[in-house]
Amino acid sequence: MIAVQPQVRRAVAQDYRRISNLVVHEAKTHRHLDWRPALEWLGDLNFWALEDCGAIAAVLACPEDPRDMAWIRLFSYREPLSGPETWSALWSFARADISNANPRAVVASIVMEPWFHSLLSASGFGLLCNIIMLELRLKETLPAMRAGKVGIRPMRDADMDEVARMDREAFGEFWHYSVDALQRARSQSSYAAVAEDGNGLVGYQLSTGNSFGAHLARLGVRREARGRGVGTALIRDLIQNLRPGRLSVNTQEDNVASLNLYRNFGFIRTGESRPVMLYQPGGG
């Protein structure tokens, strides 16, 4: 009898149950920190399955959202399969598909585990930066700020298009969220607010709650409003709306402006760090 070799193909909606079982029951799984569950991407062109003897043995998903940014949202494989061999089979297929569909697309990952870092490094991914976590212990509310030229209010549905424009301006092509991602972030937030002056919106923040306190998930300020205390006002407003506990935030290790802003409030590094790995067109 001739042995049947594993085959890579695009995953489809009908694979949902089998992929769900794989991800739930297998230990070797990388998940992106995302507002959207990974299996909701089924049906996207950039979602592949490795089929072995009629069973789905591994999956890889890196859909573009926003356009040209293909974050690796899911990689999972069934042990005792070889991680390097399984990744190589899926990545070779995925790399060709992505390049053919959109030569401008870059593939990136926020790496959570050393084993996945090793796979990416061996496939030509390079280190872009490190994301670090900072934390503030909320013991008591801050004194109220004097009224200024910037007002803070809860984010509304009607703000979302403008928030998306601010997000792209604040974070650039690599880090910005799509409108869909921002809407999902707002729907999952425990507190979302915007800053505005006489000319309109100048900043925003989105925060989530957890058992320890809260996490500042997103903070953006319009370029021309920087240096006017907008970020400070948004953080102070957030703290005023939180109960005592911990407030955490992530930022790039080399983002001096953000680090200075958070340190001014007393945030300190927790010691946690996550590398961001990047594969660009024409890479190895």
C-alpha atoms as a PDB file:
ATOM      1  CA  MET A   1       0.000   0.000   0.000  1.00  0.00           C
ATOM      2  CA  ILE A   2       1.286   3.454  -0.906  1.00  0.00           C
ATOM      3  CA  ALA A   3       1.420   5.858   2.047  1.00  0.00           C
ATOM      4  CA  VAL A   4      -0.718   8.976   1.614  1.00  0.00           C
ATOM      5  CA  GLN A   5       1.286  12.148   2.159  1.00  0.00           C
ATOM      6  CA  PRO A   6      -0.178  15.027   4.204  1.00  0.00           C
ATOM      7  CA  GLN A   7      -1.786  17.669   1.999  1.00  0.00           C
ATOM      8  CA  VAL A   8      -2.123  21.413   2.552  1.00  0.00           C
ATOM      9  CA  ARG A   9      -5.298  23.133   1.358  1.00  0.00           C
ATOM     10  CA  ARG A  10      -7.374  26.177   2.158  1.00  0.00           C
ATOM     11  CA  ALA A  11      -9.602  25.693   5.182  1.00  0.00           C
ATOM     12  CA  VAL A  12     -13.329  26.150   4.640  1.00  0.00           C
ATOM     13  CA  ALA A  13     -16.332  26.796   6.879  1.00  0.00           C
ATOM     14  CA  GLN A  14     -17.174  23.070   6.930  1.00  0.00           C
ATOM     15  CA  ASP A  15     -13.875  22.450   8.776  1.00  0.00           C
ATOM     16  CA  TYR A  16     -15.020  24.429  11.817  1.00  0.00           C
ATOM     17  CA  ARG A  17     -15.693  21.507  14.155  1.00  0.00           C
ATOM     18  CA  ARG A  18     -12.540  19.604  13.280  1.00  0.00           C
ATOM     19  CA  ILE A  19     -10.341  22.689  13.623  1.00  0.00           C
ATOM     20  CA  SER A  20     -12.039  23.624  16.889  1.00  0.00           C
ATOM     21  CA  ASN A  21     -11.289  20.159  18.273  1.00  0.00           C
ATOM     22  CA  LEU A  22      -7.679  20.452  17.157  1.00  0.00           C
ATOM     23  CA  VAL A  23      -7.172  23.839  18.817  1.00  0.00           C
ATOM     24  CA  VAL A  24      -8.973  22.900  22.041  1.00  0.00           C
ATOM     25  CA  HIS A  25      -7.237  19.573  22.577  1.00  0.00           C
ATOM     26  CA  GLU A  26      -3.723  20.237  21.292  1.00  0.00           C
ATOM     27  CA  ALA A  27      -1.087  21.912  23.457  1.00  0.00           C
ATOM     28  CA  LYS A  28       0.983  23.361  20.615  1.00  0.00           C
ATOM     29  CA  THR A  29      -1.127  26.354  19.640  1.00  0.00           C
ATOM     30  CA  HIS A  30      -0.196  29.960  18.926  1.00  0.00           C
ATOM     31  CA  ARG A  31      -3.058  32.464  19.172  1.00  0.00           C
ATOM     32  CA  HIS A  32      -2.839  36.128  18.290  1.00  0.00           C
ATOM     33  CA  LEU A  33      -3.984  38.677  20.869  1.00  0.00           C
ATOM     34  CA  ASP A  34      -7.097  39.617  18.954  1.00  0.00           C
ATOM     35  CA  TRP A  35     -10.573  41.089  19.290  1.00  0.00           C
ATOM     36  CA  ARG A  36     -11.915  38.399  16.981  1.00  0.00           C
ATOM     37  CA  PRO A  37     -11.842  34.626  17.720  1.00  0.00           C
ATOM     38  CA  ALA A  38      -9.449  32.881  15.353  1.00  0.00           C
ATOM     39  CA  LEU A  39     -12.070  30.506  13.956  1.00  0.00           C
ATOM     40  CA  GLU A  40     -14.198  33.446  12.820  1.00  0.00           C
ATOM     41  CA  TRP A  41     -11.598  33.917  10.085  1.00  0.00           C
ATOM     42  CA  LEU A  42     -12.593  30.606   8.463  1.00  0.00           C
ATOM     43  CA  GLY A  43     -13.463  31.327   4.851  1.00  0.00           C
ATOM     44  CA  ASP A  44     -10.696  33.907   4.482  1.00  0.00           C
ATOM     45  CA  LEU A  45      -8.201  33.093   1.733  1.00  0.00           C
ATOM     46  CA  ASN A  46      -5.298  33.186   4.200  1.00  0.00           C
ATOM     47  CA  PHE A  47      -6.457  30.202   6.285  1.00  0.00           C
ATOM     48  CA  TRP A  48      -4.910  26.802   5.549  1.00  0.00           C
ATOM     49  CA  ALA A  49      -5.244  23.277   6.891  1.00  0.00           C
ATOM     50  CA  LEU A  50      -2.850  20.351   6.756  1.00  0.00           C
ATOM     51  CA  GLU A  51      -4.814  17.146   6.255  1.00  0.00           C
ATOM     52  CA  ASP A  52      -3.276  13.807   7.228  1.00  0.00           C
ATOM     53  CA  CYS A  53      -5.139  10.527   6.619  1.00  0.00           C
ATOM     54  CA  GLY A  54      -8.457  12.341   6.450  1.00  0.00           C
ATOM     55  CA  ALA A  55      -7.920  14.298   9.666  1.00  0.00           C
ATOM     56  CA  ILE A  56      -6.925  17.941  10.082  1.00  0.00           C
ATOM     57  CA  ALA A  57      -3.554  17.747  11.785  1.00  0.00           C
ATOM     58  CA  ALA A  58      -2.516  21.425  11.681  1.00  0.00           C
ATOM     59  CA  VAL A  59      -3.801  24.879  10.723  1.00  0.00           C
ATOM     60  CA  LEU A  60      -2.335  28.284   9.935  1.00  0.00           C
ATOM     61  CA  ALA A  61      -4.293  31.532   9.620  1.00  0.00           C
ATOM     62  CA  CYS A  62      -2.893  34.969   8.802  1.00  0.00           C
ATOM     63  CA  PRO A  63      -5.694  37.031   7.208  1.00  0.00           C
ATOM     64  CA  GLU A  64      -5.005  40.627   6.240  1.00  0.00           C
ATOM     65  CA  ASP A  65      -6.640  43.056   8.642  1.00  0.00           C
ATOM     66  CA  PRO A  66      -5.913  45.839   7.975  1.00  0.00           C
ATOM     67  CA  ARG A  67      -5.005  45.534   4.300  1.00  0.00           C
ATOM     68  CA  ASP A  68      -1.360  44.555   3.658  1.00  0.00           C
ATOM     69  CA  MET A  69      -0.909  43.395   7.303  1.00  0.00           C
ATOM     70  CA  ALA A  70      -1.203  39.623   7.674  1.00  0.00           C
ATOM     71  CA  TRP A  71      -0.913  38.922  11.393  1.00  0.00           C
ATOM     72  CA  ILE A  72      -0.479  35.243  12.262  1.00  0.00           C
ATOM     73  CA  ARG A  73      -3.694  34.717  14.202  1.00  0.00           C
ATOM     74  CA  LEU A  74      -3.512  30.965  14.614  1.00  0.00           C
ATOM     75  CA  PHE A  75      -1.026  28.132  14.271  1.00  0.00           C
ATOM     76  CA  SER A  76      -1.857  24.803  15.823  1.00  0.00           C
ATOM     77  CA  TYR A  77      -0.637  21.284  15.226  1.00  0.00           C
ATOM     78  CA  ARG A  78      -1.305  17.855  16.608  1.00  0.00           C
ATOM     79  CA  GLU A  79       1.471  16.167  18.512  1.00  0.00           C
ATOM     80  CA  PRO A  80       3.447  13.973  18.040  1.00  0.00           C
ATOM     81  CA  LEU A  81       3.855  15.634  14.618  1.00  0.00           C
ATOM     82  CA  SER A  82       7.084  17.558  14.189  1.00  0.00           C
ATOM     83  CA  GLY A  83       6.603  21.278  14.772  1.00  0.00           C
ATOM     84  CA  PRO A  84       9.301  22.375  12.297  1.00  0.00           C
ATOM     85  CA  GLU A  85       8.089  20.017   9.560  1.00  0.00           C
ATOM     86  CA  THR A  86       4.425  20.909  10.084  1.00  0.00           C
ATOM     87  CA  TRP A  87       5.157  24.638  10.123  1.00  0.00           C
ATOM     88  CA  SER A  88       7.391  24.353   7.050  1.00  0.00           C
ATOM     89  CA  ALA A  89       4.672  22.578   5.059  1.00  0.00           C
ATOM     90  CA  LEU A  90       2.019  25.166   5.929  1.00  0.00           C
ATOM     91  CA  TRP A  91       4.291  28.204   5.689  1.00  0.00           C
ATOM     92  CA  SER A  92       5.653  27.246   2.264  1.00  0.00           C
ATOM     93  CA  PHE A  93       2.103  27.022   0.946  1.00  0.00           C
ATOM     94  CA  ALA A  94       0.968  30.171   2.753  1.00  0.00           C
ATOM     95  CA  ARG A  95       3.960  32.261   1.671  1.00  0.00           C
ATOM     96  CA  ALA A  96       3.293  31.508  -1.996  1.00  0.00           C
ATOM     97  CA  ASP A  97      -0.447  32.170  -1.658  1.00  0.00           C
ATOM     98  CA  ILE A  98       0.083  35.489   0.116  1.00  0.00           C
ATOM     99  CA  SER A  99       2.732  36.636  -2.354  1.00  0.00           C
ATOM    100  CA  ASN A 100       0.533  35.805  -5.340  1.00  0.00           C
ATOM    101  CA  ALA A 101      -2.567  37.486  -3.900  1.00  0.00           C
ATOM    102  CA  ASN A 102      -0.873  40.608  -2.540  1.00  0.00           C
ATOM    103  CA  PRO A 103       2.870  41.152  -3.104  1.00  0.00           C
ATOM    104  CA  ARG A 104       2.793  44.122  -0.690  1.00  0.00           C
ATOM    105  CA  ALA A 105       1.553  42.084   2.278  1.00  0.00           C
ATOM    106  CA  VAL A 106       3.863  41.634   5.250  1.00  0.00           C
ATOM    107  CA  VAL A 107       3.371  38.792   7.725  1.00  0.00           C
ATOM    108  CA  ALA A 108       3.871  39.488  11.411  1.00  0.00           C
ATOM    109  CA  SER A 109       3.407  37.831  14.773  1.00  0.00           C
ATOM    110  CA  ILE A 110       3.433  38.807  18.427  1.00  0.00           C
ATOM    111  CA  VAL A 111       5.220  35.748  19.781  1.00  0.00           C
ATOM    112  CA  MET A 112       3.931  34.248  23.013  1.00  0.00           C
ATOM    113  CA  GLU A 113       6.033  31.055  23.302  1.00  0.00           C
ATOM    114  CA  PRO A 114       9.723  30.227  22.678  1.00  0.00           C
ATOM    115  CA  TRP A 115       8.877  27.214  20.488  1.00  0.00           C
ATOM    116  CA  PHE A 116       7.006  29.453  18.034  1.00  0.00           C
ATOM    117  CA  HIS A 117       9.812  32.016  18.069  1.00  0.00           C
ATOM    118  CA  SER A 118      12.197  29.257  16.958  1.00  0.00           C
ATOM    119  CA  LEU A 119       9.944  28.275  14.051  1.00  0.00           C
ATOM    120  CA  LEU A 120       9.645  31.860  12.821  1.00  0.00           C
ATOM    121  CA  SER A 121      13.369  32.591  13.166  1.00  0.00           C
ATOM    122  CA  ALA A 122      14.215  29.527  11.084  1.00  0.00           C
ATOM    123  CA  SER A 123      11.808  30.715   8.362  1.00  0.00           C
ATOM    124  CA  GLY A 124      13.313  34.141   7.735  1.00  0.00           C
ATOM    125  CA  PHE A 125      11.278  36.201  10.187  1.00  0.00           C
ATOM    126  CA  GLY A 126      13.226  38.999  11.832  1.00  0.00           C
ATOM    127  CA  LEU A 127      12.752  40.886  15.086  1.00  0.00           C
ATOM    128  CA  LEU A 128      10.918  44.183  14.620  1.00  0.00           C
ATOM    129  CA  CYS A 129      10.668  45.236  18.255  1.00  0.00           C
ATOM    130  CA  ASN A 130       9.706  44.028  21.715  1.00  0.00           C
ATOM    131  CA  ILE A 131       6.387  44.772  23.364  1.00  0.00           C
ATOM    132  CA  ILE A 132       6.630  45.309  27.101  1.00  0.00           C
ATOM    133  CA  MET A 133       3.969  45.427  29.815  1.00  0.00           C
ATOM    134  CA  LEU A 134       3.673  48.156  32.420  1.00  0.00           C
ATOM    135  CA  GLU A 135       1.421  48.274  35.459  1.00  0.00           C
ATOM    136  CA  LEU A 136       0.027  50.861  37.826  1.00  0.00           C
ATOM    137  CA  ARG A 137      -1.411  50.024  41.259  1.00  0.00           C
ATOM    138  CA  LEU A 138      -4.587  52.050  41.741  1.00  0.00           C
ATOM    139  CA  LYS A 139      -4.821  52.859  45.427  1.00  0.00           C
ATOM    140  CA  GLU A 140      -7.028  55.904  45.247  1.00  0.00           C
ATOM    141  CA  THR A 141      -8.523  58.217  42.643  1.00  0.00           C
ATOM    142  CA  LEU A 142      -6.541  61.165  41.377  1.00  0.00           C
ATOM    143  CA  PRO A 143      -7.512  64.737  42.218  1.00  0.00           C
ATOM    144  CA  ALA A 144      -9.870  66.172  39.638  1.00  0.00           C
ATOM    145  CA  MET A 145      -8.215  68.164  36.863  1.00  0.00           C
ATOM    146  CA  ARG A 146      -9.083  71.770  36.256  1.00  0.00           C
ATOM    147  CA  ALA A 147     -11.305  72.303  33.275  1.00  0.00           C
ATOM    148  CA  GLY A 148      -9.208  72.800  30.151  1.00  0.00           C
ATOM    149  CA  LYS A 149      -9.634  73.119  26.435  1.00  0.00           C
ATOM    150  CA  VAL A 150      -9.962  69.340  26.009  1.00  0.00           C
ATOM    151  CA  GLY A 151     -13.127  67.605  27.167  1.00  0.00           C
ATOM    152  CA  ILE A 152     -13.535  63.863  27.773  1.00  0.00           C
ATOM    153  CA  ARG A 153     -16.768  61.957  27.132  1.00  0.00           C
ATOM    154  CA  PRO A 154     -17.836  58.340  26.434  1.00  0.00           C
ATOM    155  CA  MET A 155     -17.252  57.078  22.901  1.00  0.00           C
ATOM    156  CA  ARG A 156     -20.378  56.873  20.704  1.00  0.00           C
ATOM    157  CA  ASP A 157     -21.336  54.904  17.602  1.00  0.00           C
ATOM    158  CA  ALA A 158     -21.151  58.085  15.543  1.00  0.00           C
ATOM    159  CA  ASP A 159     -17.480  58.548  16.560  1.00  0.00           C
ATOM    160  CA  MET A 160     -16.173  55.322  15.038  1.00  0.00           C
ATOM    161  CA  ASP A 161     -15.200  56.547  11.569  1.00  0.00           C
ATOM    162  CA  GLU A 162     -13.296  59.465  13.068  1.00  0.00           C
ATOM    163  CA  VAL A 163     -11.723  57.203  15.693  1.00  0.00           C
ATOM    164  CA  ALA A 164     -10.507  54.945  12.853  1.00  0.00           C
ATOM    165  CA  ARG A 165      -8.922  57.939  11.090  1.00  0.00           C
ATOM    166  CA  MET A 166      -7.207  58.987  14.323  1.00  0.00           C
ATOM    167  CA  ASP A 167      -6.012  55.433  14.910  1.00  0.00           C
ATOM    168  CA  ARG A 168      -4.370  55.213  11.487  1.00  0.00           C
ATOM    169  CA  GLU A 169      -2.738  58.615  12.003  1.00  0.00           C
ATOM    170  CA  ALA A 170      -1.542  57.748  15.516  1.00  0.00           C
ATOM    171  CA  PHE A 171      -0.279  54.221  14.849  1.00  0.00           C
ATOM    172  CA  GLY A 172       0.725  54.241  11.185  1.00  0.00           C
ATOM    173  CA  GLU A 173       0.402  51.541   8.558  1.00  0.00           C
ATOM    174  CA  PHE A 174       1.861  48.721  10.634  1.00  0.00           C
ATOM    175  CA  TRP A 175      -0.014  49.022  13.923  1.00  0.00           C
ATOM    176  CA  HIS A 176      -3.329  50.654  13.061  1.00  0.00           C
ATOM    177  CA  TYR A 177      -6.689  48.884  13.467  1.00  0.00           C
ATOM    178  CA  SER A 178      -9.329  48.487  10.793  1.00  0.00           C
ATOM    179  CA  VAL A 179     -12.788  49.956  11.449  1.00  0.00           C
ATOM    180  CA  ASP A 180     -14.062  46.431  12.137  1.00  0.00           C
ATOM    181  CA  ALA A 181     -11.338  45.793  14.723  1.00  0.00           C
ATOM    182  CA  LEU A 182     -12.059  49.112  16.454  1.00  0.00           C
ATOM    183  CA  GLN A 183     -15.781  48.391  16.564  1.00  0.00           C
ATOM    184  CA  ARG A 184     -15.092  44.978  18.060  1.00  0.00           C
ATOM    185  CA  ALA A 185     -12.684  46.534  20.563  1.00  0.00           C
ATOM    186  CA  ARG A 186     -15.291  49.041  21.638  1.00  0.00           C
ATOM    187  CA  SER A 187     -17.976  46.364  22.008  1.00  0.00           C
ATOM    188  CA  GLN A 188     -15.646  44.367  24.283  1.00  0.00           C
ATOM    189  CA  SER A 189     -14.352  47.342  26.251  1.00  0.00           C
ATOM    190  CA  SER A 190     -15.359  48.148  29.790  1.00  0.00           C
ATOM    191  CA  TYR A 191     -14.748  51.856  29.215  1.00  0.00           C
ATOM    192  CA  ALA A 192     -14.154  53.770  25.982  1.00  0.00           C
ATOM    193  CA  ALA A 193     -13.798  57.541  25.775  1.00  0.00           C
ATOM    194  CA  VAL A 194     -12.848  60.293  23.363  1.00  0.00           C
ATOM    195  CA  ALA A 195     -11.164  63.641  23.878  1.00  0.00           C
ATOM    196  CA  GLU A 196     -12.457  66.634  21.944  1.00  0.00           C
ATOM    197  CA  ASP A 197     -11.812  70.328  21.611  1.00  0.00           C
ATOM    198  CA  GLY A 198     -13.507  73.078  19.639  1.00  0.00           C
ATOM    199  CA  ASN A 199     -12.376  71.540  16.355  1.00  0.00           C
ATOM    200  CA  GLY A 200     -13.552  67.975  17.027  1.00  0.00           C
ATOM    201  CA  LEU A 201     -12.031  64.719  18.268  1.00  0.00           C
ATOM    202  CA  VAL A 202      -8.355  64.804  19.173  1.00  0.00           C
ATOM    203  CA  GLY A 203      -7.845  61.475  20.982  1.00  0.00           C
ATOM    204  CA  TYR A 204      -9.439  58.322  22.332  1.00  0.00           C
ATOM    205  CA  GLN A 205      -8.887  55.352  24.626  1.00  0.00           C
ATOM    206  CA  LEU A 206     -10.319  51.825  24.862  1.00  0.00           C
ATOM    207  CA  SER A 207      -9.944  49.764  28.034  1.00  0.00           C
ATOM    208  CA  THR A 208     -10.994  46.289  29.104  1.00  0.00           C
ATOM    209  CA  GLY A 209     -11.757  44.918  32.543  1.00  0.00           C
ATOM    210  CA  ASN A 210     -10.236  41.847  34.191  1.00  0.00           C
ATOM    211  CA  SER A 211     -10.196  40.143  37.579  1.00  0.00           C
ATOM    212  CA  PHE A 212      -7.235  42.276  38.722  1.00  0.00           C
ATOM    213  CA  GLY A 213      -8.485  45.642  37.497  1.00  0.00           C
ATOM    214  CA  ALA A 214      -8.287  46.963  33.945  1.00  0.00           C
ATOM    215  CA  HIS A 215      -6.114  47.021  30.846  1.00  0.00           C
ATOM    216  CA  LEU A 216      -5.596  50.115  28.691  1.00  0.00           C
ATOM    217  CA  ALA A 217      -5.849  48.412  25.313  1.00  0.00           C
ATOM    218  CA  ARG A 218      -5.630  51.424  22.996  1.00  0.00           C
ATOM    219  CA  LEU A 219      -4.714  55.077  23.330  1.00  0.00           C
ATOM    220  CA  GLY A 220      -4.374  57.366  20.338  1.00  0.00           C
ATOM    221  CA  VAL A 221      -3.882  61.106  19.912  1.00  0.00           C
ATOM    222  CA  ARG A 222      -4.188  63.102  16.703  1.00  0.00           C
ATOM    223  CA  ARG A 223      -0.800  64.276  15.479  1.00  0.00           C
ATOM    224  CA  GLU A 224      -1.474  68.004  15.665  1.00  0.00           C
ATOM    225  CA  ALA A 225      -2.815  67.625  19.223  1.00  0.00           C
ATOM    226  CA  ARG A 226       0.296  65.984  20.646  1.00  0.00           C
ATOM    227  CA  GLY A 227       2.054  67.830  23.429  1.00  0.00           C
ATOM    228  CA  ARG A 228      -1.201  69.395  24.657  1.00  0.00           C
ATOM    229  CA  GLY A 229      -1.925  66.913  27.447  1.00  0.00           C
ATOM    230  CA  VAL A 230      -4.572  64.911  25.557  1.00  0.00           C
ATOM    231  CA  GLY A 231      -3.078  61.525  26.480  1.00  0.00           C
ATOM    232  CA  THR A 232      -2.694  62.655  30.092  1.00  0.00           C
ATOM    233  CA  ALA A 233      -6.321  63.784  30.229  1.00  0.00           C
ATOM    234  CA  LEU A 234      -7.559  60.472  28.810  1.00  0.00           C
ATOM    235  CA  ILE A 235      -5.559  58.405  31.302  1.00  0.00           C
ATOM    236  CA  ARG A 236      -6.634  60.559  34.249  1.00  0.00           C
ATOM    237  CA  ASP A 237     -10.254  60.202  33.180  1.00  0.00           C
ATOM    238  CA  LEU A 238      -9.819  56.430  32.906  1.00  0.00           C
ATOM    239  CA  ILE A 239      -8.309  56.191  36.392  1.00  0.00           C
ATOM    240  CA  GLN A 240     -11.148  58.282  37.798  1.00  0.00           C
ATOM    241  CA  ASN A 241     -13.577  55.710  36.415  1.00  0.00           C
ATOM    242  CA  LEU A 242     -11.780  52.669  37.833  1.00  0.00           C
ATOM    243  CA  ARG A 243     -11.955  51.012  41.206  1.00  0.00           C
ATOM    244  CA  PRO A 244      -8.722  50.323  43.161  1.00  0.00           C
ATOM    245  CA  GLY A 245      -6.745  47.502  41.561  1.00  0.00           C
ATOM    246  CA  ARG A 246      -4.221  47.287  38.750  1.00  0.00           C
ATOM    247  CA  LEU A 247      -4.134  49.122  35.457  1.00  0.00           C
ATOM    248  CA  SER A 248      -1.911  47.516  32.831  1.00  0.00           C
ATOM    249  CA  VAL A 249      -0.780  48.679  29.410  1.00  0.00           C
ATOM    250  CA  ASN A 250       1.469  47.383  26.612  1.00  0.00           C
ATOM    251  CA  THR A 251       3.759  49.450  24.430  1.00  0.00           C
ATOM    252  CA  GLN A 252       6.804  49.053  22.229  1.00  0.00           C
ATOM    253  CA  GLU A 253      10.072  49.050  24.145  1.00  0.00           C
ATOM    254  CA  ASP A 254      11.444  51.795  21.880  1.00  0.00           C
ATOM    255  CA  ASN A 255       8.352  54.056  22.037  1.00  0.00           C
ATOM    256  CA  VAL A 256       9.905  56.810  24.140  1.00  0.00           C
ATOM    257  CA  ALA A 257       6.883  59.140  24.081  1.00  0.00           C
ATOM    258  CA  SER A 258       4.504  56.444  25.358  1.00  0.00           C
ATOM    259  CA  LEU A 259       6.944  55.258  28.014  1.00  0.00           C
ATOM    260  CA  ASN A 260       7.381  58.805  29.312  1.00  0.00           C
ATOM    261  CA  LEU A 261       3.604  59.331  29.435  1.00  0.00           C
ATOM    262  CA  TYR A 262       2.993  56.158  31.427  1.00  0.00           C
ATOM    263  CA  ARG A 263       5.956  56.655  33.741  1.00  0.00           C
ATOM    264  CA  ASN A 264       4.661  60.104  34.634  1.00  0.00           C
ATOM    265  CA  PHE A 265       1.628  58.356  36.138  1.00  0.00           C
ATOM    266  CA  GLY A 266       3.785  55.872  38.035  1.00  0.00           C
ATOM    267  CA  PHE A 267       3.512  52.868  35.706  1.00  0.00           C
ATOM    268  CA  ILE A 268       6.398  50.424  36.149  1.00  0.00           C
ATOM    269  CA  ARG A 269       7.603  47.534  33.986  1.00  0.00           C
ATOM    270  CA  THR A 270       6.369  44.100  35.018  1.00  0.00           C
ATOM    271  CA  GLY A 271       9.255  42.272  33.354  1.00  0.00           C
ATOM    272  CA  GLU A 272       7.013  40.680  30.730  1.00  0.00           C
ATOM    273  CA  SER A 273       8.136  41.097  27.132  1.00  0.00           C
ATOM    274  CA  ARG A 274       6.890  39.785  23.787  1.00  0.00           C
ATOM    275  CA  PRO A 275       8.937  39.923  20.543  1.00  0.00           C
ATOM    276  CA  VAL A 276       7.241  41.082  17.354  1.00  0.00           C
ATOM    277  CA  MET A 277       8.533  39.072  14.386  1.00  0.00           C
ATOM    278  CA  LEU A 278       8.190  40.265  10.801  1.00  0.00           C
ATOM    279  CA  TYR A 279       8.454  38.621   7.389  1.00  0.00           C
ATOM    280  CA  GLN A 280       8.598  41.008   4.450  1.00  0.00           C
ATOM    281  CA  PRO A 281       8.128  40.298   0.731  1.00  0.00           C
ATOM    282  CA  GLY A 282      11.449  39.213  -0.714  1.00  0.00           C
ATOM    283  CA  GLY A 283      12.585  37.857   2.650  1.00  0.00           C
ATOM    284  CA  GLY A 284      14.069  34.456   3.240  1.00  0.00           C
END
